[in-house]
PDB file of all heavy atoms in Angstrom:
ATOM      1  N   PRO A   1      -6.686  16.734  10.232  1.00  0.00           N
ATOM      2  CA  PRO A   1      -7.327  16.606   8.916  1.00  0.00           C
ATOM      3  C   PRO A   1      -6.636  15.648   7.947  1.00  0.00           C
ATOM      4  O   PRO A   1      -7.259  15.206   6.988  1.00  0.00           O
ATOM      5  CB  PRO A   1      -7.319  18.026   8.356  1.00  0.00           C
ATOM      6  CG  PRO A   1      -6.554  18.863   9.292  1.00  0.00           C
ATOM      7  CD  PRO A   1      -6.279  18.087  10.532  1.00  0.00           C
ATOM      8  N   GLU A   2      -5.396  15.281   8.200  1.00  0.00           N
ATOM      9  CA  GLU A   2      -4.687  14.402   7.270  1.00  0.00           C
ATOM     10  C   GLU A   2      -4.673  12.940   7.710  1.00  0.00           C
ATOM     11  O   GLU A   2      -4.056  12.106   7.032  1.00  0.00           O
ATOM     12  CB  GLU A   2      -3.256  14.898   7.076  1.00  0.00           C
ATOM     13  CG  GLU A   2      -3.185  16.241   6.382  1.00  0.00           C
ATOM     14  CD  GLU A   2      -1.755  16.719   6.215  1.00  0.00           C
ATOM     15  OE1 GLU A   2      -0.880  15.885   5.912  1.00  0.00           O
ATOM     16  OE2 GLU A   2      -1.513  17.917   6.400  1.00  0.00           O
ATOM     17  N   ILE A   3      -5.339  12.614   8.797  1.00  0.00           N
ATOM     18  CA  ILE A   3      -5.367  11.206   9.229  1.00  0.00           C
ATOM     19  C   ILE A   3      -6.008  10.345   8.154  1.00  0.00           C
ATOM     20  O   ILE A   3      -5.525   9.258   7.842  1.00  0.00           O
ATOM     21  CB  ILE A   3      -6.070  11.048  10.585  1.00  0.00           C
ATOM     22  CG1 ILE A   3      -5.167  11.611  11.691  1.00  0.00           C
ATOM     23  CG2 ILE A   3      -6.421   9.590  10.856  1.00  0.00           C
ATOM     24  CD1 ILE A   3      -5.772  11.596  13.062  1.00  0.00           C
ATOM     25  N   ILE A   4      -7.089  10.829   7.567  1.00  0.00           N
ATOM     26  CA  ILE A   4      -7.741  10.100   6.481  1.00  0.00           C
ATOM     27  C   ILE A   4      -7.087  10.554   5.185  1.00  0.00           C
ATOM     28  O   ILE A   4      -7.116  11.741   4.848  1.00  0.00           O
ATOM     29  CB  ILE A   4      -9.250  10.373   6.435  1.00  0.00           C
ATOM     30  CG1 ILE A   4      -9.901  10.023   7.764  1.00  0.00           C
ATOM     31  CG2 ILE A   4      -9.897   9.599   5.286  1.00  0.00           C
ATOM     32  CD1 ILE A   4     -11.336  10.488   7.881  1.00  0.00           C
ATOM     33  N   LYS A   5      -6.501   9.615   4.467  1.00  0.00           N
ATOM     34  CA  LYS A   5      -5.892   9.941   3.183  1.00  0.00           C
ATOM     35  C   LYS A   5      -7.001  10.344   2.212  1.00  0.00           C
ATOM     36  O   LYS A   5      -8.106   9.785   2.269  1.00  0.00           O
ATOM     37  CB  LYS A   5      -5.139   8.735   2.629  1.00  0.00           C
ATOM     38  CG  LYS A   5      -3.967   8.297   3.470  1.00  0.00           C
ATOM     39  CD  LYS A   5      -3.357   7.040   2.886  1.00  0.00           C
ATOM     40  CE  LYS A   5      -2.306   6.459   3.782  1.00  0.00           C
ATOM     41  NZ  LYS A   5      -1.818   5.169   3.285  1.00  0.00           N
ATOM     42  N   PRO A   6      -6.738  11.289   1.319  1.00  0.00           N
ATOM     43  CA  PRO A   6      -7.763  11.713   0.357  1.00  0.00           C
ATOM     44  C   PRO A   6      -8.332  10.524  -0.425  1.00  0.00           C
ATOM     45  O   PRO A   6      -7.585   9.731  -0.996  1.00  0.00           O
ATOM     46  CB  PRO A   6      -7.014  12.679  -0.561  1.00  0.00           C
ATOM     47  CG  PRO A   6      -5.861  13.170   0.263  1.00  0.00           C
ATOM     48  CD  PRO A   6      -5.486  12.022   1.156  1.00  0.00           C
ATOM     49  N   GLY A   7      -9.639  10.397  -0.401  1.00  0.00           N
ATOM     50  CA  GLY A   7     -10.311   9.325  -1.128  1.00  0.00           C
ATOM     51  C   GLY A   7     -10.197   7.961  -0.478  1.00  0.00           C
ATOM     52  O   GLY A   7     -10.581   6.963  -1.071  1.00  0.00           O
ATOM     53  N   LYS A   8      -9.690   7.883   0.739  1.00  0.00           N
ATOM     54  CA  LYS A   8      -9.458   6.592   1.399  1.00  0.00           C
ATOM     55  C   LYS A   8     -10.309   6.438   2.660  1.00  0.00           C
ATOM     56  O   LYS A   8      -9.866   5.882   3.655  1.00  0.00           O
ATOM     57  CB  LYS A   8      -7.973   6.445   1.767  1.00  0.00           C
ATOM     58  CG  LYS A   8      -7.045   6.473   0.582  1.00  0.00           C
ATOM     59  CD  LYS A   8      -7.159   5.195  -0.193  1.00  0.00           C
ATOM     60  CE  LYS A   8      -6.097   5.138  -1.279  1.00  0.00           C
ATOM     61  NZ  LYS A   8      -6.055   3.850  -1.921  1.00  0.00           N
ATOM     62  N   GLU A   9     -11.537   6.900   2.605  1.00  0.00           N
ATOM     63  CA  GLU A   9     -12.415   6.789   3.765  1.00  0.00           C
ATOM     64  C   GLU A   9     -12.677   5.332   4.132  1.00  0.00           C
ATOM     65  O   GLU A   9     -12.702   4.985   5.314  1.00  0.00           O
ATOM     66  CB  GLU A   9     -13.745   7.517   3.507  1.00  0.00           C
ATOM     67  CG  GLU A   9     -13.614   9.014   3.416  1.00  0.00           C
ATOM     68  CD  GLU A   9     -13.160   9.524   2.046  1.00  0.00           C
ATOM     69  OE1 GLU A   9     -13.048   8.703   1.086  1.00  0.00           O
ATOM     70  OE2 GLU A   9     -12.899  10.730   1.936  1.00  0.00           O
ATOM     71  N   ASP A  10     -12.844   4.468   3.124  1.00  0.00           N
ATOM     72  CA  ASP A  10     -13.068   3.044   3.398  1.00  0.00           C
ATOM     73  C   ASP A  10     -11.874   2.441   4.136  1.00  0.00           C
ATOM     74  O   ASP A  10     -12.035   1.607   5.018  1.00  0.00           O
ATOM     75  CB  ASP A  10     -13.320   2.252   2.108  1.00  0.00           C
ATOM     76  CG  ASP A  10     -14.673   2.532   1.496  1.00  0.00           C
ATOM     77  OD1 ASP A  10     -15.549   3.084   2.197  1.00  0.00           O
ATOM     78  OD2 ASP A  10     -14.867   2.205   0.310  1.00  0.00           O
ATOM     79  N   GLN A  11     -10.685   2.860   3.758  1.00  0.00           N
ATOM     80  CA  GLN A  11      -9.478   2.379   4.415  1.00  0.00           C
ATOM     81  C   GLN A  11      -9.461   2.804   5.885  1.00  0.00           C
ATOM     82  O   GLN A  11      -9.103   2.017   6.759  1.00  0.00           O
ATOM     83  CB  GLN A  11      -8.245   2.921   3.696  1.00  0.00           C
ATOM     84  CG  GLN A  11      -6.935   2.425   4.250  1.00  0.00           C
ATOM     85  CD  GLN A  11      -5.760   3.068   3.547  1.00  0.00           C
ATOM     86  OE1 GLN A  11      -5.590   4.279   3.607  1.00  0.00           O
ATOM     87  NE2 GLN A  11      -4.967   2.246   2.864  1.00  0.00           N
ATOM     88  N   ALA A  12      -9.860   4.036   6.154  1.00  0.00           N
ATOM     89  CA  ALA A  12      -9.899   4.525   7.540  1.00  0.00           C
ATOM     90  C   ALA A  12     -10.909   3.735   8.366  1.00  0.00           C
ATOM     91  O   ALA A  12     -10.651   3.417   9.532  1.00  0.00           O
ATOM     92  CB  ALA A  12     -10.230   6.017   7.570  1.00  0.00           C
ATOM     93  N   VAL A  13     -12.033   3.388   7.765  1.00  0.00           N
ATOM     94  CA  VAL A  13     -13.036   2.576   8.470  1.00  0.00           C
ATOM     95  C   VAL A  13     -12.483   1.180   8.721  1.00  0.00           C
ATOM     96  O   VAL A  13     -12.592   0.648   9.828  1.00  0.00           O
ATOM     97  CB  VAL A  13     -14.362   2.519   7.677  1.00  0.00           C
ATOM     98  CG1 VAL A  13     -15.329   1.517   8.298  1.00  0.00           C
ATOM     99  CG2 VAL A  13     -15.007   3.906   7.612  1.00  0.00           C
ATOM    100  N   SER A  14     -11.866   0.589   7.720  1.00  0.00           N
ATOM    101  CA  SER A  14     -11.298  -0.749   7.861  1.00  0.00           C
ATOM    102  C   SER A  14     -10.234  -0.784   8.955  1.00  0.00           C
ATOM    103  O   SER A  14     -10.209  -1.702   9.786  1.00  0.00           O
ATOM    104  CB  SER A  14     -10.696  -1.192   6.526  1.00  0.00           C
ATOM    105  OG  SER A  14     -10.076  -2.438   6.651  1.00  0.00           O
ATOM    106  N   ARG A  15      -9.389   0.215   8.988  1.00  0.00           N
ATOM    107  CA  ARG A  15      -8.350   0.267  10.020  1.00  0.00           C
ATOM    108  C   ARG A  15      -8.967   0.432  11.404  1.00  0.00           C
ATOM    109  O   ARG A  15      -8.490  -0.158  12.373  1.00  0.00           O
ATOM    110  CB  ARG A  15      -7.355   1.380   9.713  1.00  0.00           C
ATOM    111  CG  ARG A  15      -6.495   1.025   8.528  1.00  0.00           C
ATOM    112  CD  ARG A  15      -5.521   2.091   8.161  1.00  0.00           C
ATOM    113  NE  ARG A  15      -4.681   1.589   7.065  1.00  0.00           N
ATOM    114  CZ  ARG A  15      -3.807   2.310   6.427  1.00  0.00           C
ATOM    115  NH1 ARG A  15      -3.611   3.581   6.742  1.00  0.00           N
ATOM    116  NH2 ARG A  15      -3.093   1.795   5.453  1.00  0.00           N
ATOM    117  N   GLY A  16     -10.019   1.201  11.487  1.00  0.00           N
ATOM    118  CA  GLY A  16     -10.708   1.360  12.768  1.00  0.00           C
ATOM    119  C   GLY A  16     -11.339   0.059  13.229  1.00  0.00           C
ATOM    120  O   GLY A  16     -11.247  -0.309  14.406  1.00  0.00           O
ATOM    121  N   LEU A  17     -11.971  -0.654  12.309  1.00  0.00           N
ATOM    122  CA  LEU A  17     -12.578  -1.934  12.657  1.00  0.00           C
ATOM    123  C   LEU A  17     -11.523  -2.926  13.115  1.00  0.00           C
ATOM    124  O   LEU A  17     -11.736  -3.685  14.063  1.00  0.00           O
ATOM    125  CB  LEU A  17     -13.377  -2.488  11.476  1.00  0.00           C
ATOM    126  CG  LEU A  17     -14.638  -1.700  11.102  1.00  0.00           C
ATOM    127  CD1 LEU A  17     -15.229  -2.213   9.791  1.00  0.00           C
ATOM    128  CD2 LEU A  17     -15.662  -1.732  12.216  1.00  0.00           C
ATOM    129  N   ASN A  18     -10.364  -2.911  12.470  1.00  0.00           N
ATOM    130  CA  ASN A  18      -9.267  -3.781  12.904  1.00  0.00           C
ATOM    131  C   ASN A  18      -8.754  -3.376  14.277  1.00  0.00           C
ATOM    132  O   ASN A  18      -8.386  -4.225  15.085  1.00  0.00           O
ATOM    133  CB  ASN A  18      -8.131  -3.774  11.878  1.00  0.00           C
ATOM    134  CG  ASN A  18      -8.476  -4.569  10.646  1.00  0.00           C
ATOM    135  OD1 ASN A  18      -9.233  -5.525  10.699  1.00  0.00           O
ATOM    136  ND2 ASN A  18      -7.943  -4.170   9.523  1.00  0.00           N
ATOM    137  N   GLN A  19      -8.723  -2.077  14.540  1.00  0.00           N
ATOM    138  CA  GLN A  19      -8.310  -1.612  15.869  1.00  0.00           C
ATOM    139  C   GLN A  19      -9.292  -2.119  16.927  1.00  0.00           C
ATOM    140  O   GLN A  19      -8.895  -2.412  18.048  1.00  0.00           O
ATOM    141  CB  GLN A  19      -8.208  -0.086  15.900  1.00  0.00           C
ATOM    142  CG  GLN A  19      -7.661   0.476  17.192  1.00  0.00           C
ATOM    143  CD  GLN A  19      -6.194   0.153  17.429  1.00  0.00           C
ATOM    144  OE1 GLN A  19      -5.428  -0.041  16.502  1.00  0.00           O
ATOM    145  NE2 GLN A  19      -5.800   0.087  18.683  1.00  0.00           N
ATOM    146  N   CYS A  20     -10.555  -2.248  16.566  1.00  0.00           N
ATOM    147  CA  CYS A  20     -11.544  -2.797  17.501  1.00  0.00           C
ATOM    148  C   CYS A  20     -11.147  -4.196  17.958  1.00  0.00           C
ATOM    149  O   CYS A  20     -11.341  -4.548  19.121  1.00  0.00           O
ATOM    150  CB  CYS A  20     -12.929  -2.848  16.847  1.00  0.00           C
ATOM    151  SG  CYS A  20     -13.745  -1.260  16.713  1.00  0.00           S
ATOM    152  N   SER A  21     -10.600  -4.985  17.050  1.00  0.00           N
ATOM    153  CA  SER A  21     -10.158  -6.326  17.413  1.00  0.00           C
ATOM    154  C   SER A  21      -9.083  -6.253  18.486  1.00  0.00           C
ATOM    155  O   SER A  21      -9.095  -7.030  19.443  1.00  0.00           O
ATOM    156  CB  SER A  21      -9.623  -7.043  16.167  1.00  0.00           C
ATOM    157  OG  SER A  21      -9.147  -8.314  16.493  1.00  0.00           O
ATOM    158  N   SER A  22      -8.167  -5.301  18.356  1.00  0.00           N
ATOM    159  CA  SER A  22      -7.129  -5.120  19.378  1.00  0.00           C
ATOM    160  C   SER A  22      -7.726  -4.636  20.688  1.00  0.00           C
ATOM    161  O   SER A  22      -7.317  -5.087  21.763  1.00  0.00           O
ATOM    162  CB  SER A  22      -6.082  -4.117  18.889  1.00  0.00           C
ATOM    163  OG  SER A  22      -5.424  -4.614  17.744  1.00  0.00           O
ATOM    164  N   ILE A  23      -8.681  -3.744  20.611  1.00  0.00           N
ATOM    165  CA  ILE A  23      -9.341  -3.233  21.822  1.00  0.00           C
ATOM    166  C   ILE A  23     -10.042  -4.375  22.546  1.00  0.00           C
ATOM    167  O   ILE A  23      -9.933  -4.518  23.760  1.00  0.00           O
ATOM    168  CB  ILE A  23     -10.333  -2.103  21.474  1.00  0.00           C
ATOM    169  CG1 ILE A  23      -9.569  -0.861  20.986  1.00  0.00           C
ATOM    170  CG2 ILE A  23     -11.217  -1.763  22.669  1.00  0.00           C
ATOM    171  CD1 ILE A  23     -10.455   0.212  20.376  1.00  0.00           C
ATOM    172  N   LYS A  24     -10.742  -5.203  21.773  1.00  0.00           N
ATOM    173  CA  LYS A  24     -11.461  -6.321  22.383  1.00  0.00           C
ATOM    174  C   LYS A  24     -10.485  -7.293  23.036  1.00  0.00           C
ATOM    175  O   LYS A  24     -10.730  -7.796  24.126  1.00  0.00           O
ATOM    176  CB  LYS A  24     -12.300  -7.055  21.339  1.00  0.00           C
ATOM    177  CG  LYS A  24     -13.146  -8.148  21.942  1.00  0.00           C
ATOM    178  CD  LYS A  24     -14.079  -8.752  20.928  1.00  0.00           C
ATOM    179  CE  LYS A  24     -14.996  -9.752  21.602  1.00  0.00           C
ATOM    180  NZ  LYS A  24     -15.974 -10.312  20.677  1.00  0.00           N
ATOM    181  N   GLY A  25      -9.368  -7.537  22.378  1.00  0.00           N
ATOM    182  CA  GLY A  25      -8.389  -8.486  22.895  1.00  0.00           C
ATOM    183  C   GLY A  25      -7.674  -7.998  24.139  1.00  0.00           C
ATOM    184  O   GLY A  25      -7.352  -8.766  25.028  1.00  0.00           O
ATOM    185  N   LYS A  26      -7.425  -6.703  24.223  1.00  0.00           N
ATOM    186  CA  LYS A  26      -6.661  -6.162  25.344  1.00  0.00           C
ATOM    187  C   LYS A  26      -7.531  -5.437  26.363  1.00  0.00           C
ATOM    188  O   LYS A  26      -7.101  -5.219  27.481  1.00  0.00           O
ATOM    189  CB  LYS A  26      -5.617  -5.172  24.820  1.00  0.00           C
ATOM    190  CG  LYS A  26      -4.549  -5.825  23.980  1.00  0.00           C
ATOM    191  CD  LYS A  26      -3.485  -4.844  23.622  1.00  0.00           C
ATOM    192  CE  LYS A  26      -2.477  -5.368  22.662  1.00  0.00           C
ATOM    193  NZ  LYS A  26      -2.034  -6.711  22.818  1.00  0.00           N
ATOM    194  N   GLY A  27      -8.724  -5.033  25.945  1.00  0.00           N
ATOM    195  CA  GLY A  27      -9.540  -4.219  26.836  1.00  0.00           C
ATOM    196  C   GLY A  27      -8.783  -2.941  27.146  1.00  0.00           C
ATOM    197  O   GLY A  27      -8.096  -2.400  26.294  1.00  0.00           O
ATOM    198  N   SER A  28      -8.864  -2.481  28.338  1.00  0.00           N
ATOM    199  CA  SER A  28      -8.130  -1.269  28.699  1.00  0.00           C
ATOM    200  C   SER A  28      -6.876  -1.612  29.491  1.00  0.00           C
ATOM    201  O   SER A  28      -6.287  -0.754  30.141  1.00  0.00           O
ATOM    202  CB  SER A  28      -9.040  -0.334  29.498  1.00  0.00           C
ATOM    203  OG  SER A  28      -9.465  -0.988  30.677  1.00  0.00           O
ATOM    204  N   ASP A  29      -6.475  -2.887  29.453  1.00  0.00           N
ATOM    205  CA  ASP A  29      -5.315  -3.346  30.221  1.00  0.00           C
ATOM    206  C   ASP A  29      -4.021  -2.638  29.834  1.00  0.00           C
ATOM    207  O   ASP A  29      -3.202  -2.332  30.680  1.00  0.00           O
ATOM    208  CB  ASP A  29      -5.127  -4.857  30.077  1.00  0.00           C
ATOM    209  CG  ASP A  29      -6.257  -5.641  30.717  1.00  0.00           C
ATOM    210  OD1 ASP A  29      -6.974  -5.069  31.553  1.00  0.00           O
ATOM    211  OD2 ASP A  29      -6.415  -6.820  30.368  1.00  0.00           O
ATOM    212  N   ASP A  30      -3.808  -2.412  28.569  1.00  0.00           N
ATOM    213  CA  ASP A  30      -2.569  -1.791  28.129  1.00  0.00           C
ATOM    214  C   ASP A  30      -2.877  -0.669  27.153  1.00  0.00           C
ATOM    215  O   ASP A  30      -2.702  -0.792  25.951  1.00  0.00           O
ATOM    216  CB  ASP A  30      -1.643  -2.828  27.491  1.00  0.00           C
ATOM    217  CG  ASP A  30      -0.223  -2.312  27.350  1.00  0.00           C
ATOM    218  OD1 ASP A  30      -0.008  -1.075  27.485  1.00  0.00           O
ATOM    219  OD2 ASP A  30       0.668  -3.125  27.106  1.00  0.00           O
ATOM    220  N   ARG A  31      -3.344   0.418  27.686  1.00  0.00           N
ATOM    221  CA  ARG A  31      -3.763   1.558  26.877  1.00  0.00           C
ATOM    222  C   ARG A  31      -2.599   2.129  26.062  1.00  0.00           C
ATOM    223  O   ARG A  31      -2.786   2.525  24.915  1.00  0.00           O
ATOM    224  CB  ARG A  31      -4.368   2.624  27.775  1.00  0.00           C
ATOM    225  CG  ARG A  31      -5.016   3.743  27.012  1.00  0.00           C
ATOM    226  CD  ARG A  31      -6.121   4.359  27.833  1.00  0.00           C
ATOM    227  NE  ARG A  31      -6.583   5.585  27.244  1.00  0.00           N
ATOM    228  CZ  ARG A  31      -7.474   5.657  26.267  1.00  0.00           C
ATOM    229  NH1 ARG A  31      -8.014   4.554  25.784  1.00  0.00           N
ATOM    230  NH2 ARG A  31      -7.855   6.811  25.774  1.00  0.00           N
ATOM    231  N   ALA A  32      -1.403   2.145  26.618  1.00  0.00           N
ATOM    232  CA  ALA A  32      -0.244   2.672  25.890  1.00  0.00           C
ATOM    233  C   ALA A  32       0.039   1.824  24.649  1.00  0.00           C
ATOM    234  O   ALA A  32       0.352   2.358  23.580  1.00  0.00           O
ATOM    235  CB  ALA A  32       0.973   2.723  26.794  1.00  0.00           C
ATOM    236  N   GLN A  33      -0.086   0.512  24.787  1.00  0.00           N
ATOM    237  CA  GLN A  33       0.147  -0.355  23.636  1.00  0.00           C
ATOM    238  C   GLN A  33      -0.945  -0.176  22.583  1.00  0.00           C
ATOM    239  O   GLN A  33      -0.661  -0.146  21.389  1.00  0.00           O
ATOM    240  CB  GLN A  33       0.233  -1.817  24.063  1.00  0.00           C
ATOM    241  CG  GLN A  33       0.615  -2.724  22.913  1.00  0.00           C
ATOM    242  CD  GLN A  33       0.756  -4.181  23.318  1.00  0.00           C
ATOM    243  OE1 GLN A  33       0.344  -4.580  24.394  1.00  0.00           O
ATOM    244  NE2 GLN A  33       1.334  -4.979  22.443  1.00  0.00           N
ATOM    245  N   LEU A  34      -2.192  -0.047  23.010  1.00  0.00           N
ATOM    246  CA  LEU A  34      -3.281   0.194  22.069  1.00  0.00           C
ATOM    247  C   LEU A  34      -3.069   1.504  21.320  1.00  0.00           C
ATOM    248  O   LEU A  34      -3.308   1.591  20.112  1.00  0.00           O
ATOM    249  CB  LEU A  34      -4.633   0.224  22.796  1.00  0.00           C
ATOM    250  CG  LEU A  34      -5.180  -1.111  23.262  1.00  0.00           C
ATOM    251  CD1 LEU A  34      -6.413  -0.906  24.129  1.00  0.00           C
ATOM    252  CD2 LEU A  34      -5.514  -2.004  22.070  1.00  0.00           C
ATOM    253  N   ALA A  35      -2.615   2.532  22.037  1.00  0.00           N
ATOM    254  CA  ALA A  35      -2.366   3.830  21.416  1.00  0.00           C
ATOM    255  C   ALA A  35      -1.255   3.722  20.372  1.00  0.00           C
ATOM    256  O   ALA A  35      -1.375   4.260  19.262  1.00  0.00           O
ATOM    257  CB  ALA A  35      -2.009   4.866  22.479  1.00  0.00           C
TER     258      ALA A  35
END
């Protein structure tokens, strides 16, 4: 429940979208690094 900071839902979405860039770049090649 504390992953999303109070009132920072937009920030959580932005961070997720940025993580997508890493996922696209690495695919599932290095799952430990993505994690």
